Amino acid sequence: MALLEVNGLTVVLPTAAGAIRPVNGVSLCLESGEALGLVGESGSGKTMLALALMGLLPEGARTRGEALLAPRNGTGPGATKNLLVLDEHEWRGVRGRDIAMVFQEPMTSLNPVMRVGAQVEEAVRAHAARLPRRESKRRAIAALERAAVPEPRTRARQYPHQLSGGLRQRAMIAMALAGGSQDPLTKLPAGPRLLIADEPTTALDATVQKQILELLGRLRSELGLALIFITHDLGVVAQVADRLAVMYAGRIVEEGPAGEVLAHPRHPYTSGLLAASPRIERGALQPIPGSVPRLDALPPGCAFEPRCPLRQVECSARVPEMRTAGKEHRARCILV
């Protein structure tokens, strides 16, 4: 079975204007070792989907549907976990050990008054509370080294503000890797089975960005971990993802093999994103007119209809279903 199978995942948030659905009926499947790129403009629901899969939704949020995580070992009764119904005690056995997340801005995720090594050690001890201090420190240094942090012992003694943006992001990746169960051969944490990276290369220069992408690729190969890579940058996702899912106003509007979706987009929104992406050979950018609609004021049919250059009368009548656009390629558009 797939490592992660999401069926009809909906997140409902109460607001002063009424309940909104930042994630609405999302279904996707992720195999072990696979990289899924999740793209869309700000407000499309990407990060909220990730928080739902991590059990980190804000207070008052409700979920519907299911997110099934395959067992680490064996397939006995009850071994598959529905992440959406876990309580906090159950999450402690999953978060960090099976699923980990690297957040967008490490400077706000790292504790500014704790040394970097101590923060990685916390991640180690979260799943090995009785581990001797010397061993937890050894594993923390090893995690920093695995995340390609140069001079890991020196960096471990430093505070986050003393590190560059790229090194802070590597420290966050080290924390994500430090919580897994121990590999009996290397005596190091085996790492999670699924890593969710939320805009991990934002605000990094091109050289450092490339290094982080190469690091994630190497970790996928070495550890066999699956990756959900969240970004708004189609140029970046093309270097990382095996498959691509495009989100708009809480729904997935196109999904398929990354190369196929980027070369032959079938939803007008995906085409708009590509036209708005900087490319030397393309010349001037072509921005998508308008903006993502408010979730408490969605149009009655296709949410992209008010901005779509190809809209038809039918588009405003109902929300279109996902339609097959090719082998393993689907799009939520009546023109497919």
Protein backbone atom coordinates (compact mmCIF):
# COMPACT_ATOMS: atom_id res chain seq x y z
CA MET A 1 0.00 0.00 0.00
CA ALA A 2 0.98 3.66 -0.36
CA LEU A 3 2.92 5.35 2.43
CA LEU A 4 0.25 8.06 2.71
CA GLU A 5 -3.26 8.00 1.28
CA VAL A 6 -5.39 11.12 1.73
CA ASN A 7 -9.09 10.87 0.92
CA GLY A 8 -11.43 13.86 0.90
CA LEU A 9 -9.47 15.82 3.49
CA THR A 10 -11.34 18.96 4.51
CA VAL A 11 -10.30 21.47 7.17
CA VAL A 12 -13.04 23.66 8.64
CA LEU A 13 -12.04 26.81 10.51
CA PRO A 14 -14.45 29.00 12.46
CA THR A 15 -14.15 32.73 11.75
CA ALA A 16 -16.15 35.86 12.55
CA ALA A 17 -17.57 35.67 9.03
CA GLY A 18 -18.57 32.02 9.43
CA ALA A 19 -16.88 28.68 8.80
CA ILE A 20 -14.33 28.53 5.99
CA ARG A 21 -12.61 25.57 4.33
CA PRO A 22 -8.95 26.38 3.62
CA VAL A 23 -8.55 22.73 2.56
CA ASN A 24 -11.55 21.33 0.73
CA GLY A 25 -11.90 17.70 -0.33
CA VAL A 26 -8.22 17.04 -1.04
CA SER A 27 -7.25 13.53 -2.11
CA LEU A 28 -3.74 12.41 -2.92
CA CYS A 29 -1.45 9.40 -2.68
CA LEU A 30 2.25 9.28 -1.85
CA GLU A 31 4.50 6.25 -2.27
CA SER A 32 7.58 5.54 -0.16
CA GLY A 33 10.56 7.48 -1.46
CA GLU A 34 8.43 9.63 -3.77
CA ALA A 35 8.62 13.44 -3.96
CA LEU A 36 5.38 15.36 -4.41
CA GLY A 37 5.51 19.05 -5.27
CA LEU A 38 2.62 21.11 -3.90
CA VAL A 39 2.33 24.48 -5.62
CA GLY A 40 -0.01 27.46 -5.66
CA GLU A 41 -0.24 31.11 -4.69
CA SER A 42 -0.29 32.28 -1.08
CA GLY A 43 -3.68 31.46 0.41
CA SER A 44 -4.27 28.41 -1.78
CA GLY A 45 -4.20 26.01 1.19
CA LYS A 46 -0.78 24.39 0.86
CA THR A 47 0.51 25.10 4.37
CA MET A 48 -2.86 24.35 5.99
CA LEU A 49 -2.83 20.94 4.31
CA ALA A 50 0.65 20.31 5.70
CA LEU A 51 -0.42 21.36 9.21
CA ALA A 52 -3.38 18.97 9.03
CA LEU A 53 -1.00 16.12 8.11
CA MET A 54 1.21 17.08 11.08
CA GLY A 55 -1.62 17.41 13.62
CA LEU A 56 -0.74 21.08 14.12
CA LEU A 57 -3.98 22.81 13.13
CA PRO A 58 -5.05 25.86 15.14
CA GLU A 59 -7.43 25.44 18.05
CA GLY A 60 -11.05 25.13 16.96
CA ALA A 61 -10.24 23.59 13.58
CA ARG A 62 -12.19 20.49 12.55
CA THR A 63 -11.26 17.91 9.94
CA ARG A 64 -13.19 15.53 7.71
CA GLY A 65 -12.03 12.69 5.52
CA GLU A 66 -8.99 10.54 6.25
CA ALA A 67 -5.22 10.56 5.96
CA LEU A 68 -3.98 6.98 6.18
CA LEU A 69 -0.34 6.38 7.13
CA ALA A 70 1.01 2.92 6.37
CA PRO A 71 2.61 0.99 9.26
CA ARG A 72 6.38 1.13 9.64
CA ASN A 73 6.62 -2.62 10.09
CA GLY A 74 3.99 -5.24 9.38
CA THR A 75 0.41 -4.95 8.24
CA GLY A 76 -1.50 -6.32 11.21
CA PRO A 77 -4.99 -5.22 12.23
CA GLY A 78 -5.11 -1.58 13.26
CA ALA A 79 -1.54 -0.95 12.06
CA THR A 80 -2.60 1.72 9.56
CA LYS A 81 -3.13 5.08 11.27
CA ASN A 82 -5.70 7.70 10.31
CA LEU A 83 -3.77 10.84 11.20
CA LEU A 84 -6.92 12.94 11.44
CA VAL A 85 -8.25 11.10 14.50
CA LEU A 86 -5.05 10.82 16.58
CA ASP A 87 -4.98 12.48 19.99
CA GLU A 88 -1.92 14.38 21.19
CA HIS A 89 -0.53 11.37 23.03
CA GLU A 90 -0.73 9.26 19.87
CA TRP A 91 0.80 12.07 17.82
CA ARG A 92 3.94 11.97 19.99
CA GLY A 93 4.65 8.52 18.57
CA VAL A 94 4.19 9.73 14.98
CA ARG A 95 5.36 13.34 14.78
CA GLY A 96 9.12 13.38 14.32
CA ARG A 97 9.39 9.60 14.16
CA ASP A 98 7.27 8.93 11.05
CA ILE A 99 6.48 12.42 9.76
CA ALA A 100 8.54 15.57 10.22
CA MET A 101 8.26 19.09 8.89
CA VAL A 102 10.75 21.78 7.94
CA PHE A 103 9.09 25.18 8.27
CA GLN A 104 9.38 28.15 5.93
CA GLU A 105 11.33 30.58 8.13
CA PRO A 106 13.85 28.87 10.43
CA MET A 107 14.58 32.07 12.36
CA THR A 108 11.04 32.03 13.75
CA SER A 109 11.08 28.24 14.30
CA LEU A 110 14.38 28.03 16.16
CA ASN A 111 14.57 29.23 19.76
CA PRO A 112 16.81 32.35 19.67
CA VAL A 113 18.12 31.85 23.23
CA MET A 114 19.09 28.16 22.91
CA ARG A 115 22.22 26.87 21.26
CA VAL A 116 21.57 25.03 18.00
CA GLY A 117 22.97 21.74 19.30
CA ALA A 118 20.70 21.83 22.35
CA GLN A 119 17.67 22.24 20.09
CA VAL A 120 18.65 19.26 17.97
CA GLU A 121 19.21 17.27 21.19
CA GLU A 122 15.66 18.11 22.24
CA ALA A 123 14.41 16.46 19.04
CA VAL A 124 16.52 13.39 19.84
CA ARG A 125 15.26 13.11 23.43
CA ALA A 126 11.63 13.60 22.38
CA HIS A 127 11.71 9.97 21.24
CA ALA A 128 14.40 8.64 23.56
CA ALA A 129 13.77 10.28 26.92
CA ARG A 130 16.08 7.92 28.86
CA LEU A 131 19.00 8.32 26.50
CA PRO A 132 22.25 9.29 28.30
CA ARG A 133 23.24 12.91 27.73
CA ARG A 134 26.48 11.94 26.00
CA GLU A 135 24.62 9.73 23.52
CA SER A 136 21.93 12.33 22.79
CA LYS A 137 24.68 14.87 22.13
CA ARG A 138 26.46 12.42 19.82
CA ARG A 139 23.27 11.85 17.85
CA ALA A 140 22.62 15.60 17.60
CA ILE A 141 26.10 16.20 16.16
CA ALA A 142 25.59 13.29 13.76
CA ALA A 143 22.26 14.75 12.62
CA LEU A 144 23.91 18.12 11.93
CA GLU A 145 26.64 16.33 9.99
CA ARG A 146 24.05 14.35 8.01
CA ALA A 147 22.37 17.66 7.12
CA ALA A 148 25.71 18.84 5.68
CA VAL A 149 26.35 21.45 8.39
CA PRO A 150 30.10 22.23 8.22
CA GLU A 151 32.03 21.98 11.49
CA PRO A 152 28.97 20.55 13.28
CA ARG A 153 30.54 20.62 16.75
CA THR A 154 31.30 24.32 16.41
CA ARG A 155 27.89 25.13 14.96
CA ALA A 156 26.19 23.17 17.73
CA ARG A 157 27.61 25.63 20.28
CA GLN A 158 26.30 28.66 18.39
CA TYR A 159 22.95 30.46 18.58
CA PRO A 160 20.61 30.74 15.58
CA HIS A 161 21.46 34.41 14.91
CA GLN A 162 25.11 33.40 14.46
CA LEU A 163 24.25 31.16 11.51
CA SER A 164 23.51 32.15 7.94
CA GLY A 165 20.06 31.54 6.48
CA GLY A 166 21.27 28.42 4.70
CA LEU A 167 22.85 26.99 7.87
CA ARG A 168 19.69 27.70 9.87
CA GLN A 169 17.68 25.77 7.30
CA ARG A 170 20.17 22.88 7.52
CA ALA A 171 19.79 22.95 11.32
CA MET A 172 16.01 22.65 10.89
CA ILE A 173 16.52 19.69 8.55
CA ALA A 174 18.86 18.12 11.16
CA MET A 175 16.12 18.48 13.80
CA ALA A 176 13.65 16.80 11.46
CA LEU A 177 16.05 13.90 10.91
CA ALA A 178 16.95 13.50 14.59
CA GLY A 179 13.62 12.18 15.81
CA GLY A 180 13.42 8.86 13.98
CA SER A 181 14.03 5.42 15.43
CA GLN A 182 17.64 4.26 15.60
CA ASP A 183 19.20 2.42 12.70
CA PRO A 184 20.78 -0.75 14.20
CA LEU A 185 23.75 -0.59 11.81
CA THR A 186 24.74 3.09 11.98
CA LYS A 187 23.42 3.70 15.52
CA LEU A 188 21.96 6.93 14.13
CA PRO A 189 18.32 7.98 13.88
CA ALA A 190 16.87 6.36 10.77
CA GLY A 191 14.91 9.54 10.14
CA PRO A 192 11.22 9.99 9.42
CA ARG A 193 9.52 8.19 6.54
CA LEU A 194 7.93 11.41 5.29
CA LEU A 195 9.42 14.90 5.32
CA ILE A 196 7.21 17.92 4.63
CA ALA A 197 9.27 20.91 3.50
CA ASP A 198 7.30 24.18 3.50
CA GLU A 199 9.02 26.72 1.24
CA PRO A 200 12.48 25.62 2.49
CA THR A 201 14.39 27.72 -0.05
CA THR A 202 12.49 31.01 0.35
CA ALA A 203 14.78 34.04 0.87
CA LEU A 204 17.92 32.00 0.08
CA ASP A 205 20.23 33.07 -2.72
CA ALA A 206 20.46 30.87 -5.81
CA THR A 207 23.66 29.09 -4.78
CA VAL A 208 22.41 28.18 -1.28
CA GLN A 209 19.02 27.25 -2.71
CA LYS A 210 20.69 24.76 -5.04
CA GLN A 211 22.66 23.29 -2.11
CA ILE A 212 19.49 22.77 -0.05
CA LEU A 213 17.75 21.10 -2.99
CA GLU A 214 20.75 18.82 -3.53
CA LEU A 215 20.77 17.98 0.20
CA LEU A 216 17.10 17.00 0.13
CA GLY A 217 17.73 14.86 -2.94
CA ARG A 218 20.64 13.10 -1.25
CA LEU A 219 18.63 12.46 1.92
CA ARG A 220 15.81 10.97 -0.14
CA SER A 221 18.28 8.61 -1.76
CA GLU A 222 20.14 7.67 1.42
CA LEU A 223 17.19 7.36 3.79
CA GLY A 224 14.45 6.39 1.35
CA LEU A 225 12.18 9.08 2.73
CA ALA A 226 9.18 10.49 0.90
CA LEU A 227 8.97 14.25 0.43
CA ILE A 228 6.14 16.76 0.17
CA PHE A 229 7.77 19.93 -1.15
CA ILE A 230 5.61 23.04 -0.79
CA THR A 231 6.50 26.03 -2.94
CA HIS A 232 5.17 28.75 -5.21
CA ASP A 233 8.25 28.49 -7.43
CA LEU A 234 7.68 26.16 -10.39
CA GLY A 235 11.34 26.40 -11.36
CA VAL A 236 12.34 24.95 -7.98
CA VAL A 237 9.72 22.23 -7.92
CA ALA A 238 10.82 21.03 -11.37
CA GLN A 239 14.20 20.11 -9.83
CA VAL A 240 12.73 18.17 -6.91
CA ALA A 241 9.37 16.57 -7.59
CA ASP A 242 8.38 13.31 -9.23
CA ARG A 243 4.73 14.37 -9.21
CA LEU A 244 3.05 17.73 -8.98
CA ALA A 245 -0.21 18.84 -7.35
CA VAL A 246 -1.49 22.37 -8.00
CA MET A 247 -3.76 23.90 -5.34
CA TYR A 248 -6.19 26.79 -5.69
CA ALA A 249 -8.66 28.05 -3.07
CA GLY A 250 -8.31 24.88 -0.99
CA ARG A 251 -8.72 22.34 -3.78
CA ILE A 252 -6.29 20.42 -5.97
CA VAL A 253 -6.99 21.61 -9.51
CA GLU A 254 -4.32 19.62 -11.37
CA GLU A 255 -2.16 16.63 -10.55
CA GLY A 256 0.20 14.37 -12.44
CA PRO A 257 3.83 13.54 -13.25
CA ALA A 258 5.85 16.74 -12.78
CA GLY A 259 7.33 16.75 -16.25
CA GLU A 260 3.95 16.16 -17.87
CA VAL A 261 2.15 18.86 -15.87
CA LEU A 262 4.88 21.46 -16.50
CA ALA A 263 5.20 20.65 -20.20
CA HIS A 264 1.49 20.23 -20.93
CA PRO A 265 -0.61 22.01 -18.27
CA ARG A 266 -4.32 21.26 -18.64
CA HIS A 267 -5.81 23.69 -16.12
CA PRO A 268 -5.80 27.43 -16.97
CA TYR A 269 -4.50 28.23 -13.48
CA THR A 270 -1.42 26.03 -13.97
CA SER A 271 -0.85 27.68 -17.35
CA GLY A 272 -1.12 31.07 -15.63
CA LEU A 273 1.44 30.13 -13.00
CA LEU A 274 3.87 29.02 -15.69
CA ALA A 275 3.37 32.23 -17.68
CA ALA A 276 4.03 34.25 -14.52
CA SER A 277 7.26 32.38 -13.72
CA PRO A 278 10.49 34.18 -14.68
CA ARG A 279 12.27 32.58 -17.65
CA ILE A 280 15.01 34.27 -19.68
CA GLU A 281 13.65 33.06 -23.01
CA ARG A 282 10.10 34.20 -22.19
CA GLY A 283 10.79 37.91 -21.74
CA ALA A 284 8.17 39.92 -19.85
CA LEU A 285 6.13 38.10 -17.21
CA GLN A 286 2.41 37.62 -17.71
CA PRO A 287 0.78 37.94 -14.26
CA ILE A 288 -2.57 36.29 -13.56
CA PRO A 289 -5.16 39.07 -13.23
CA GLY A 290 -7.00 39.46 -9.94
CA SER A 291 -6.22 37.56 -6.74
CA VAL A 292 -7.12 34.38 -4.90
CA PRO A 293 -10.76 34.74 -3.72
CA ARG A 294 -11.63 35.06 -0.04
CA LEU A 295 -12.61 31.70 1.39
CA ASP A 296 -15.79 33.16 2.88
CA ALA A 297 -16.82 34.55 -0.51
CA LEU A 298 -16.00 31.86 -3.06
CA PRO A 299 -17.79 31.99 -6.42
CA PRO A 300 -20.54 29.37 -6.85
CA GLY A 301 -18.76 27.31 -9.51
CA CYS A 302 -15.08 27.01 -10.33
CA ALA A 303 -13.12 29.18 -7.89
CA PHE A 304 -10.76 30.27 -10.67
CA GLU A 305 -13.58 31.30 -13.03
CA PRO A 306 -13.44 35.09 -12.29
CA ARG A 307 -9.75 35.15 -13.27
CA CYS A 308 -9.83 32.59 -16.07
CA PRO A 309 -9.26 33.77 -19.67
CA LEU A 310 -11.03 30.64 -20.97
CA ARG A 311 -14.12 30.75 -18.76
CA GLN A 312 -17.42 29.42 -20.08
CA VAL A 313 -20.98 29.98 -18.88
CA GLU A 314 -20.94 26.49 -17.36
CA CYS A 315 -17.93 27.35 -15.19
CA SER A 316 -20.02 29.49 -12.84
CA ALA A 317 -22.73 26.86 -12.43
CA ARG A 318 -20.92 24.16 -10.44
CA VAL A 319 -17.54 23.05 -9.13
CA PRO A 320 -15.99 20.85 -11.84
CA GLU A 321 -14.87 17.31 -11.07
CA MET A 322 -11.33 16.07 -11.64
CA ARG A 323 -11.07 14.74 -15.19
CA THR A 324 -8.47 12.50 -16.78
CA ALA A 325 -6.08 14.51 -18.93
CA GLY A 326 -3.63 11.74 -19.77
CA LYS A 327 -1.91 8.82 -18.11
CA GLU A 328 -1.88 9.65 -14.36
CA HIS A 329 -2.65 13.27 -15.27
CA ARG A 330 -5.88 14.89 -14.02
CA ALA A 331 -7.32 18.40 -13.98
CA ARG A 332 -10.39 20.02 -12.43
CA CYS A 333 -11.64 21.82 -15.55
CA ILE A 334 -14.56 21.37 -17.97
CA LEU A 335 -12.21 22.00 -20.91
CA VAL A 336 -10.23 18.81 -20.29
